[in-house]
Amino acid sequence: MQHLSYEFQEPRFDLGGWRVSLRLVTFENLYGLDPDRTTLRAAHDGWEAVAEGLTWAGGQERSPGWARLQAKPTPDGLELVVEARHPAKLRCAKLHLWDVPAGAVLGAGWEEQAVPPEGLLLAYPGWPGNLHTPLVFLRLDDGSYRYFRSLDDRVRAKRLAFTPTPGGLAVELIHEEAGPAMGNVLHGPPWRLGRTRTPEAIVREHLDHVEQAFGLRPWEDRPDVPDWARQISLVVALHGMHWTGYAFNTYDDMLAALQWVTQRIEGRRVLAYLPGWEGRYYWQYGDYRPEPRLGGPQGFRRLVEGAHALGVHLMPMFGANCANAGLEGFDRWGAPSLLRSASGLVFQGNRPDWDTSRAHDPGWQAWLNPGSPAWQERLCQQIADVVDVYGLAEDAVFLDTQDTWENDPRHPVYEGLVALRDTLKARFPGLLVAGEGWYDVL
């Protein structure tokens, strides 16, 4: 984690026992509040710091701009809200908390992590290992906790950074505006900071917020879960083909395996998960059809009909955001849908070493945004065609790597997945739509 190589001159505010400062990030620089044009005053429910101008280069230069930090006490801490304006497009608002007691960090996978000398960065949402929800605890030696959580009602990037300092820890709470909504004005969500000895109560409070903000429902009464899915006790993974073309299981092999399984457990309690059913794993992504070397359309139909006769439901796998860039027509539906960061970098993904060249350079493997209309339409049609043609309307589909998220400035990723789900469920109400990995609202 990189740091500035100089002291950033900025006003720091004492707010209800917390020392706080604010920085703003555009795509061309980093700004602080101009101390000569910033006022801290009492508000009816707390405090308000207003800056009528900004600085850059650590206070050496001045810039037009405006920012307001609103703070109000809560029963165990503080709530902070940022608003800002700038002539350039605003990317982030960074709240800095100073002299926070040092402790072990809990958040990513809820496993404790010590803060290393160079600092620790956690991000939401993103790859496995990052935050499933924007909530992080510090466990102190005395058994108490500090916590930091965002109360956003949209899927927008959050980053929390922890850096050792002589006074304990410096904690950064970073809110990044949604890419398509970025402009000269930023309205951040509330951040809650607090002290507790019962972290479970904070988790419950946080999950209540997520459920209410995003309309989440418990598994027990979710309307999008088909009745048959509630009977599943066993998921059987039947891999079709390796990236190199090595066939693990033909469609007839898969059916034989399910016949063996259902001699030991009722078929209605079995879900058969089918990665690589369409041919070379990942290489075939973006063009879904039964693979000739695994048995072709007739073999796949035998598998579907045979599984249904046993009472087994099938779940073929589709890439939610990945396709082979060499496919015909990619320039029409793939190239315009390439997944990008907020600054425009094309997302490279995890770059698997499919060919064991040890180069980790799968340049053919393009990562696409499911919020892009061109890719969303193609993927939805490909899934619907397979479901229609092979009679899978009362079965399931699996969306691979659906938890991949970037703050794409052209199309929102999460909202694209919701639209894909809604389109499929409207056409096939009995279809279970599932996916790999998750963050809270997925």
Protein backbone atom coordinates (compact mmCIF):
# COMPACT_ATOMS: atom_id res chain seq x y z
CA MET A 1 0.00 0.00 0.00
CA GLN A 2 1.54 3.29 -1.10
CA HIS A 3 1.62 6.43 1.02
CA LEU A 4 2.41 10.08 0.51
CA SER A 5 6.11 10.86 1.08
CA TYR A 6 5.31 14.13 2.90
CA GLU A 7 3.00 15.43 5.60
CA PHE A 8 -0.36 16.45 4.14
CA GLN A 9 -1.19 19.78 5.75
CA GLU A 10 -4.92 19.85 6.54
CA PRO A 11 -7.30 20.78 9.35
CA ARG A 12 -8.17 17.97 11.76
CA PHE A 13 -11.36 18.17 13.79
CA ASP A 14 -12.08 16.80 17.27
CA LEU A 15 -15.60 15.39 16.95
CA GLY A 16 -17.09 13.47 19.85
CA GLY A 17 -13.82 11.83 20.82
CA TRP A 18 -12.68 11.13 17.24
CA ARG A 19 -10.03 13.11 15.33
CA VAL A 20 -11.19 13.47 11.72
CA SER A 21 -9.98 15.07 8.49
CA LEU A 22 -11.31 15.03 4.94
CA ARG A 23 -9.65 14.72 1.54
CA LEU A 24 -11.15 14.70 -1.94
CA VAL A 25 -9.85 12.81 -4.96
CA THR A 26 -10.43 13.73 -8.60
CA PHE A 27 -8.91 11.92 -11.57
CA GLU A 28 -6.02 14.38 -11.72
CA ASN A 29 -5.16 15.23 -8.10
CA LEU A 30 -5.72 14.96 -4.35
CA TYR A 31 -7.21 17.86 -2.37
CA GLY A 32 -7.54 18.89 1.24
CA LEU A 33 -9.63 21.51 2.96
CA ASP A 34 -8.19 25.02 2.94
CA PRO A 35 -7.64 25.77 6.66
CA ASP A 36 -8.00 29.51 6.04
CA ARG A 37 -11.43 29.03 4.45
CA THR A 38 -12.80 26.23 6.65
CA THR A 39 -15.18 26.74 9.57
CA LEU A 40 -16.22 24.21 12.22
CA ARG A 41 -19.45 25.08 13.98
CA ALA A 42 -22.02 23.41 16.21
CA ALA A 43 -25.15 22.16 14.47
CA HIS A 44 -28.48 21.30 16.06
CA ASP A 45 -27.55 17.61 16.27
CA GLY A 46 -23.75 17.70 16.20
CA TRP A 47 -21.10 19.58 14.22
CA GLU A 48 -20.57 20.87 10.72
CA ALA A 49 -17.27 21.69 9.01
CA VAL A 50 -17.60 23.71 5.81
CA ALA A 51 -14.71 24.51 3.46
CA GLU A 52 -15.20 27.32 0.93
CA GLY A 53 -11.95 26.37 -0.80
CA LEU A 54 -9.45 23.52 -1.16
CA THR A 55 -5.70 23.02 -1.28
CA TRP A 56 -3.41 20.67 -3.17
CA ALA A 57 0.28 19.70 -3.06
CA GLY A 58 -0.05 19.31 0.69
CA GLY A 59 -1.28 22.84 1.21
CA GLN A 60 1.28 24.52 -1.06
CA GLU A 61 -1.35 25.42 -3.67
CA ARG A 62 -5.00 26.46 -3.56
CA SER A 63 -7.96 25.34 -5.60
CA PRO A 64 -11.59 26.31 -6.01
CA GLY A 65 -14.03 23.82 -4.54
CA TRP A 66 -16.39 23.28 -1.65
CA ALA A 67 -16.88 20.57 0.95
CA ARG A 68 -19.07 19.94 3.96
CA LEU A 69 -18.52 17.34 6.66
CA GLN A 70 -21.54 16.74 8.88
CA ALA A 71 -21.03 14.86 12.13
CA LYS A 72 -23.55 13.83 14.76
CA PRO A 73 -23.11 11.69 17.86
CA THR A 74 -24.67 8.23 18.08
CA PRO A 75 -25.19 6.14 21.25
CA ASP A 76 -21.75 4.51 20.82
CA GLY A 77 -19.88 6.79 18.44
CA LEU A 78 -20.30 9.10 15.49
CA GLU A 79 -22.04 9.37 12.13
CA LEU A 80 -20.26 11.25 9.32
CA VAL A 81 -21.62 12.45 5.96
CA VAL A 82 -19.64 14.21 3.22
CA GLU A 83 -20.80 16.49 0.43
CA ALA A 84 -18.42 18.14 -2.04
CA ARG A 85 -18.17 20.14 -5.25
CA HIS A 86 -15.18 20.67 -7.56
CA PRO A 87 -14.56 22.02 -11.07
CA ALA A 88 -13.13 18.62 -12.03
CA LYS A 89 -14.96 15.29 -11.84
CA LEU A 90 -14.93 13.99 -8.26
CA ARG A 91 -13.94 10.37 -7.74
CA CYS A 92 -13.64 9.81 -3.99
CA ALA A 93 -14.20 11.33 -0.58
CA LYS A 94 -11.65 10.12 1.99
CA LEU A 95 -12.31 10.45 5.70
CA HIS A 96 -9.17 10.09 7.79
CA LEU A 97 -9.44 9.05 11.44
CA TRP A 98 -6.34 9.75 13.52
CA ASP A 99 -4.94 8.17 16.70
CA VAL A 100 -7.30 5.19 16.59
CA PRO A 101 -6.15 2.52 19.09
CA ALA A 102 -4.21 -0.28 17.43
CA GLY A 103 -5.87 -3.67 17.16
CA ALA A 104 -6.50 -6.72 15.01
CA VAL A 105 -8.71 -6.13 11.96
CA LEU A 106 -11.79 -8.29 11.30
CA GLY A 107 -13.74 -7.93 8.09
CA ALA A 108 -12.39 -9.94 5.16
CA GLY A 109 -13.81 -13.41 5.76
CA TRP A 110 -14.15 -12.39 9.44
CA GLU A 111 -10.65 -13.66 10.09
CA GLU A 112 -8.36 -11.54 12.26
CA GLN A 113 -5.51 -9.76 10.51
CA ALA A 114 -2.68 -7.85 12.10
CA VAL A 115 -1.95 -4.50 10.46
CA PRO A 116 1.52 -4.83 8.85
CA PRO A 117 3.98 -1.90 8.92
CA GLU A 118 3.10 -0.91 5.36
CA GLY A 119 -0.63 -0.87 6.14
CA LEU A 120 -3.69 -2.94 5.28
CA LEU A 121 -6.28 -2.21 2.59
CA LEU A 122 -9.75 -3.82 2.40
CA ALA A 123 -12.19 -3.16 -0.43
CA TYR A 124 -15.89 -3.65 -1.13
CA PRO A 125 -17.21 -5.17 -3.31
CA GLY A 126 -14.69 -7.35 -5.08
CA TRP A 127 -12.78 -10.54 -5.36
CA PRO A 128 -12.81 -13.20 -2.65
CA GLY A 129 -10.64 -12.10 0.25
CA ASN A 130 -12.04 -8.59 0.25
CA LEU A 131 -15.11 -7.37 2.12
CA HIS A 132 -18.47 -9.07 1.69
CA THR A 133 -20.08 -5.97 3.21
CA PRO A 134 -18.69 -2.54 4.19
CA LEU A 135 -18.26 -3.35 7.88
CA VAL A 136 -14.91 -3.73 9.65
CA PHE A 137 -13.99 -4.21 13.33
CA LEU A 138 -10.82 -3.53 15.28
CA ARG A 139 -10.40 -5.88 18.25
CA LEU A 140 -8.42 -4.18 21.00
CA ASP A 141 -6.36 -5.89 23.69
CA ASP A 142 -8.89 -5.05 26.40
CA GLY A 143 -11.59 -7.06 24.59
CA SER A 144 -13.46 -4.06 23.26
CA TYR A 145 -13.96 -3.21 19.60
CA ARG A 146 -13.98 -0.22 17.32
CA TYR A 147 -16.14 -0.56 14.22
CA PHE A 148 -16.51 1.26 10.91
CA ARG A 149 -19.43 0.74 8.55
CA SER A 150 -21.09 2.39 5.58
CA LEU A 151 -24.85 2.82 5.40
CA ASP A 152 -25.11 3.08 1.63
CA ASP A 153 -28.29 2.13 -0.21
CA ARG A 154 -26.51 1.55 -3.52
CA VAL A 155 -23.65 -0.73 -4.55
CA ARG A 156 -20.77 1.73 -4.62
CA ALA A 157 -17.09 1.14 -3.95
CA LYS A 158 -15.78 1.41 -0.39
CA ARG A 159 -12.16 1.06 0.68
CA LEU A 160 -10.91 0.96 4.26
CA ALA A 161 -7.20 1.43 4.91
CA PHE A 162 -5.32 0.95 8.19
CA THR A 163 -1.82 2.35 8.71
CA PRO A 164 0.34 2.15 11.87
CA THR A 165 1.27 5.56 13.30
CA PRO A 166 3.02 6.65 16.50
CA GLY A 167 -0.43 7.34 17.99
CA GLY A 168 -1.93 3.94 17.07
CA LEU A 169 -3.59 3.65 13.66
CA ALA A 170 -4.66 6.04 10.93
CA VAL A 171 -7.89 4.76 9.39
CA GLU A 172 -9.13 5.84 5.97
CA LEU A 173 -12.81 5.47 5.09
CA ILE A 174 -13.04 5.93 1.32
CA HIS A 175 -16.26 6.29 -0.63
CA GLU A 176 -16.03 6.20 -4.42
CA GLU A 177 -18.97 7.49 -6.42
CA ALA A 178 -20.63 5.11 -8.89
CA GLY A 179 -18.83 5.44 -12.22
CA PRO A 180 -21.86 6.38 -14.36
CA ALA A 181 -22.92 8.98 -11.76
CA MET A 182 -19.55 10.72 -11.30
CA GLY A 183 -19.60 14.45 -11.83
CA ASN A 184 -18.68 17.74 -10.17
CA VAL A 185 -20.87 17.04 -7.13
CA LEU A 186 -20.50 14.17 -4.65
CA HIS A 187 -23.01 13.13 -1.99
CA GLY A 188 -21.54 10.40 0.17
CA PRO A 189 -23.49 7.88 2.29
CA PRO A 190 -23.35 7.95 6.09
CA TRP A 191 -20.38 6.33 7.80
CA ARG A 192 -20.87 5.01 11.34
CA LEU A 193 -17.95 4.75 13.76
CA GLY A 194 -18.37 3.28 17.19
CA ARG A 195 -17.13 1.45 20.26
CA THR A 196 -18.68 -1.81 21.38
CA ARG A 197 -18.15 -4.97 23.41
CA THR A 198 -20.86 -6.84 21.52
CA PRO A 199 -19.86 -6.96 17.85
CA GLU A 200 -22.68 -9.42 17.11
CA ALA A 201 -25.21 -6.66 17.84
CA ILE A 202 -23.45 -4.35 15.35
CA VAL A 203 -23.48 -7.10 12.71
CA ARG A 204 -27.21 -7.60 13.22
CA GLU A 205 -27.84 -3.85 13.00
CA HIS A 206 -25.76 -3.65 9.83
CA LEU A 207 -27.53 -6.60 8.18
CA ASP A 208 -30.90 -5.06 9.05
CA HIS A 209 -29.82 -1.97 7.12
CA VAL A 210 -28.68 -4.01 4.11
CA GLU A 211 -31.92 -6.01 4.06
CA GLN A 212 -34.07 -2.90 4.20
CA ALA A 213 -32.01 -0.84 1.75
CA PHE A 214 -31.89 -3.55 -0.92
CA GLY A 215 -35.11 -5.45 -0.27
CA LEU A 216 -33.38 -8.70 0.68
CA ARG A 217 -35.46 -11.63 1.92
CA PRO A 218 -34.54 -14.65 4.04
CA TRP A 219 -34.10 -17.95 2.18
CA GLU A 220 -37.19 -19.31 3.88
CA ASP A 221 -39.58 -16.89 2.14
CA ARG A 222 -37.71 -15.73 -0.95
CA PRO A 223 -40.15 -15.72 -3.87
CA ASP A 224 -37.41 -16.43 -6.43
CA VAL A 225 -36.53 -19.84 -4.94
CA PRO A 226 -38.52 -22.61 -6.69
CA ASP A 227 -40.15 -25.17 -4.43
CA TRP A 228 -38.04 -27.97 -5.88
CA ALA A 229 -34.85 -26.18 -4.84
CA ARG A 230 -35.86 -26.34 -1.19
CA GLN A 231 -35.71 -30.16 -1.39
CA ILE A 232 -32.07 -30.34 -2.53
CA SER A 233 -29.72 -32.19 -0.17
CA LEU A 234 -26.80 -32.98 -2.48
CA VAL A 235 -25.05 -31.10 -5.29
CA VAL A 236 -23.10 -33.35 -7.66
CA ALA A 237 -20.39 -31.61 -9.72
CA LEU A 238 -19.97 -33.26 -13.14
CA HIS A 239 -17.20 -31.52 -15.08
CA GLY A 240 -17.41 -31.87 -18.85
CA MET A 241 -14.18 -30.64 -20.41
CA HIS A 242 -10.89 -29.07 -19.37
CA TRP A 243 -9.58 -25.89 -21.06
CA THR A 244 -7.14 -28.02 -23.05
CA GLY A 245 -9.97 -30.15 -24.45
CA TYR A 246 -9.44 -33.13 -22.16
CA ALA A 247 -12.86 -34.75 -21.62
CA PHE A 248 -13.54 -35.60 -17.99
CA ASN A 249 -17.14 -36.73 -18.57
CA THR A 250 -19.23 -37.15 -21.69
CA TYR A 251 -22.97 -36.54 -21.35
CA ASP A 252 -23.50 -40.30 -21.16
CA ASP A 253 -20.84 -40.50 -18.42
CA MET A 254 -22.72 -37.80 -16.50
CA LEU A 255 -26.00 -39.67 -16.78
CA ALA A 256 -24.36 -42.89 -15.63
CA ALA A 257 -22.96 -41.07 -12.60
CA LEU A 258 -26.42 -39.72 -11.74
CA GLN A 259 -27.92 -43.20 -12.08
CA TRP A 260 -25.34 -44.43 -9.57
CA VAL A 261 -26.04 -41.51 -7.21
CA THR A 262 -29.82 -41.96 -7.31
CA GLN A 263 -29.48 -45.58 -6.26
CA ARG A 264 -28.33 -44.10 -2.96
CA ILE A 265 -30.38 -40.91 -2.56
CA GLU A 266 -33.71 -39.78 -3.97
CA GLY A 267 -33.28 -38.01 -7.28
CA ARG A 268 -35.50 -35.11 -6.24
CA ARG A 269 -32.89 -34.26 -3.62
CA VAL A 270 -30.05 -34.04 -6.16
CA LEU A 271 -28.84 -31.05 -8.16
CA ALA A 272 -26.26 -31.80 -10.88
CA TYR A 273 -23.89 -28.89 -11.45
CA LEU A 274 -22.36 -28.91 -14.95
CA PRO A 275 -19.18 -26.86 -15.44
CA GLY A 276 -17.52 -27.32 -18.83
CA TRP A 277 -20.71 -28.82 -20.33
CA GLU A 278 -20.39 -26.58 -23.41
CA GLY A 279 -16.85 -27.75 -24.29
CA ARG A 280 -13.41 -26.39 -23.53
CA TYR A 281 -13.68 -24.74 -20.13
CA TYR A 282 -13.67 -20.93 -20.44
CA TRP A 283 -12.39 -21.12 -24.05
CA GLN A 284 -15.97 -21.72 -25.16
CA TYR A 285 -17.39 -18.97 -22.92
CA GLY A 286 -19.67 -16.68 -24.89
CA ASP A 287 -20.89 -19.42 -27.28
CA TYR A 288 -22.98 -21.92 -25.35
CA ARG A 289 -24.12 -25.13 -27.04
CA PRO A 290 -23.64 -28.86 -26.43
CA GLU A 291 -20.09 -29.92 -27.26
CA PRO A 292 -19.79 -32.44 -30.15
CA ARG A 293 -16.96 -34.35 -28.45
CA LEU A 294 -19.08 -34.83 -25.31
CA GLY A 295 -22.04 -36.18 -27.24
CA GLY A 296 -23.45 -33.19 -29.10
CA PRO A 297 -27.09 -32.07 -28.97
CA GLN A 298 -28.46 -35.64 -28.91
CA GLY A 299 -26.18 -36.64 -26.05
CA PHE A 300 -27.06 -33.55 -24.07
CA ARG A 301 -30.76 -34.20 -24.61
CA ARG A 302 -30.29 -37.78 -23.36
CA LEU A 303 -28.63 -36.37 -20.25
CA VAL A 304 -31.45 -33.90 -19.60
CA GLU A 305 -34.25 -36.39 -20.19
CA GLY A 306 -32.48 -39.14 -18.26
CA ALA A 307 -31.78 -36.84 -15.30
CA HIS A 308 -35.39 -35.67 -15.24
CA ALA A 309 -36.61 -39.27 -15.32
CA LEU A 310 -34.53 -39.84 -12.18
CA GLY A 311 -35.99 -36.70 -10.56
CA VAL A 312 -32.64 -34.90 -10.76
CA HIS A 313 -32.42 -31.20 -11.58
CA LEU A 314 -29.57 -29.85 -13.71
CA MET A 315 -27.55 -26.62 -13.37
CA PRO A 316 -25.37 -25.82 -16.41
CA MET A 317 -22.77 -23.12 -15.89
CA PHE A 318 -22.52 -19.84 -17.85
CA GLY A 319 -19.91 -17.09 -17.57
CA ALA A 320 -21.62 -13.97 -16.23
CA ASN A 321 -18.86 -11.67 -17.38
CA CYS A 322 -16.32 -13.58 -19.48
CA ALA A 323 -16.03 -14.58 -23.14
CA ASN A 324 -13.48 -15.63 -25.73
CA ALA A 325 -12.44 -12.49 -27.62
CA GLY A 326 -11.86 -14.59 -30.74
CA LEU A 327 -15.52 -15.52 -31.16
CA GLU A 328 -17.36 -14.40 -34.27
CA GLY A 329 -19.19 -11.13 -33.68
CA PHE A 330 -17.15 -10.22 -30.58
CA ASP A 331 -16.59 -6.75 -32.01
CA ARG A 332 -20.37 -6.16 -31.84
CA TRP A 333 -21.28 -7.51 -28.40
CA GLY A 334 -17.96 -8.04 -26.60
CA ALA A 335 -15.68 -5.12 -27.42
CA PRO A 336 -18.28 -2.48 -26.43
CA SER A 337 -18.85 -4.37 -23.17
CA LEU A 338 -15.27 -4.72 -21.90
CA LEU A 339 -15.24 -4.28 -18.13
CA ARG A 340 -13.30 -1.18 -17.07
CA SER A 341 -12.23 0.58 -13.90
CA ALA A 342 -13.44 4.06 -13.03
CA SER A 343 -10.39 5.58 -14.72
CA GLY A 344 -10.86 3.48 -17.86
CA LEU A 345 -8.40 0.60 -17.40
CA VAL A 346 -9.59 -2.64 -19.02
CA PHE A 347 -10.12 -5.26 -16.31
CA GLN A 348 -7.71 -8.19 -16.58
CA GLY A 349 -9.26 -10.53 -14.03
CA ASN A 350 -7.29 -13.25 -12.29
CA ARG A 351 -5.39 -14.25 -15.47
CA PRO A 352 -5.43 -18.05 -15.01
CA ASP A 353 -2.54 -20.14 -16.32
CA TRP A 354 -4.86 -22.35 -18.41
CA ASP A 355 -2.09 -23.63 -20.72
CA THR A 356 0.57 -24.08 -17.98
CA SER A 357 2.92 -21.83 -19.92
CA ARG A 358 3.51 -20.16 -16.52
CA ALA A 359 2.95 -16.85 -18.28
CA HIS A 360 -0.51 -16.14 -16.85
CA ASP A 361 -1.31 -14.38 -20.11
CA PRO A 362 -4.73 -15.45 -21.44
CA GLY A 363 -5.15 -12.52 -23.81
CA TRP A 364 -8.10 -14.26 -25.50
CA GLN A 365 -10.08 -14.19 -22.24
CA ALA A 366 -12.09 -10.97 -22.17
CA TRP A 367 -13.90 -9.75 -19.07
CA LEU A 368 -17.24 -8.14 -19.84
CA ASN A 369 -19.72 -5.99 -17.97
CA PRO A 370 -23.13 -7.69 -17.48
CA GLY A 371 -24.59 -4.19 -17.24
CA SER A 372 -23.64 -3.49 -20.86
CA PRO A 373 -26.79 -3.90 -22.99
CA ALA A 374 -24.92 -5.70 -25.81
CA TRP A 375 -23.39 -8.40 -23.58
CA GLN A 376 -26.44 -8.67 -21.34
CA GLU A 377 -28.69 -9.27 -24.34
CA ARG A 378 -26.37 -11.90 -25.83
CA LEU A 379 -25.86 -13.77 -22.56
CA CYS A 380 -29.56 -13.71 -21.71
CA GLN A 381 -30.47 -15.02 -25.17
CA GLN A 382 -27.84 -17.77 -25.02
CA ILE A 383 -29.11 -18.95 -21.64
CA ALA A 384 -32.74 -18.74 -22.75
CA ASP A 385 -32.02 -20.73 -25.93
CA VAL A 386 -30.44 -23.59 -23.96
CA VAL A 387 -33.26 -23.57 -21.39
CA ASP A 388 -35.92 -23.52 -24.12
CA VAL A 389 -34.46 -26.07 -26.50
CA TYR A 390 -33.51 -28.66 -23.88
CA GLY A 391 -36.43 -28.25 -21.46
CA LEU A 392 -34.59 -26.79 -18.47
CA ALA A 393 -37.26 -24.27 -17.41
CA GLU A 394 -37.72 -26.06 -14.05
CA ASP A 395 -33.99 -26.47 -13.47
CA ALA A 396 -31.16 -24.04 -12.69
CA VAL A 397 -28.41 -21.96 -14.25
CA PHE A 398 -25.12 -21.01 -12.58
CA LEU A 399 -23.47 -17.64 -13.29
CA ASP A 400 -19.72 -18.03 -12.99
CA THR A 401 -17.64 -15.24 -11.36
CA GLN A 402 -20.76 -13.12 -10.90
CA ASP A 403 -19.17 -11.50 -7.83
CA THR A 404 -16.60 -9.74 -10.04
CA TRP A 405 -17.19 -6.02 -9.73
CA GLU A 406 -15.58 -2.91 -11.16
CA ASN A 407 -16.75 0.69 -10.97
CA ASP A 408 -17.30 0.82 -14.72
CA PRO A 409 -18.09 4.40 -15.77
CA ARG A 410 -20.41 3.29 -18.58
CA HIS A 411 -22.75 0.73 -17.01
CA PRO A 412 -23.32 -0.36 -13.37
CA VAL A 413 -22.34 -4.00 -12.83
CA TYR A 414 -24.67 -5.01 -9.99
CA GLU A 415 -27.73 -3.45 -11.58
CA GLY A 416 -26.86 -5.33 -14.79
CA LEU A 417 -26.91 -8.64 -12.94
CA VAL A 418 -30.28 -7.77 -11.41
CA ALA A 419 -31.67 -6.96 -14.87
CA LEU A 420 -30.32 -10.26 -16.24
CA ARG A 421 -31.92 -12.16 -13.35
CA ASP A 422 -35.24 -10.37 -13.77
CA THR A 423 -35.37 -11.08 -17.50
CA LEU A 424 -34.69 -14.77 -16.99
CA LYS A 425 -37.16 -15.11 -14.12
CA ALA A 426 -39.89 -13.32 -16.05
CA ARG A 427 -39.50 -15.83 -18.86
CA PHE A 428 -38.84 -18.90 -16.70
CA PRO A 429 -40.43 -18.46 -13.23
CA GLY A 430 -39.39 -21.95 -12.13
CA LEU A 431 -35.71 -21.43 -13.00
CA LEU A 432 -33.25 -21.18 -10.13
CA VAL A 433 -30.64 -18.50 -10.89
CA ALA A 434 -27.51 -18.98 -8.79
CA GLY A 435 -23.94 -17.75 -8.93
CA GLU A 436 -20.38 -18.09 -7.74
CA GLY A 437 -19.23 -16.00 -4.81
CA TRP A 438 -21.08 -13.12 -3.28
CA TYR A 439 -21.11 -9.78 -1.61
CA ASP A 440 -23.96 -8.75 0.67
CA VAL A 441 -26.62 -7.65 -1.84
CA LEU A 442 -25.92 -10.53 -4.24
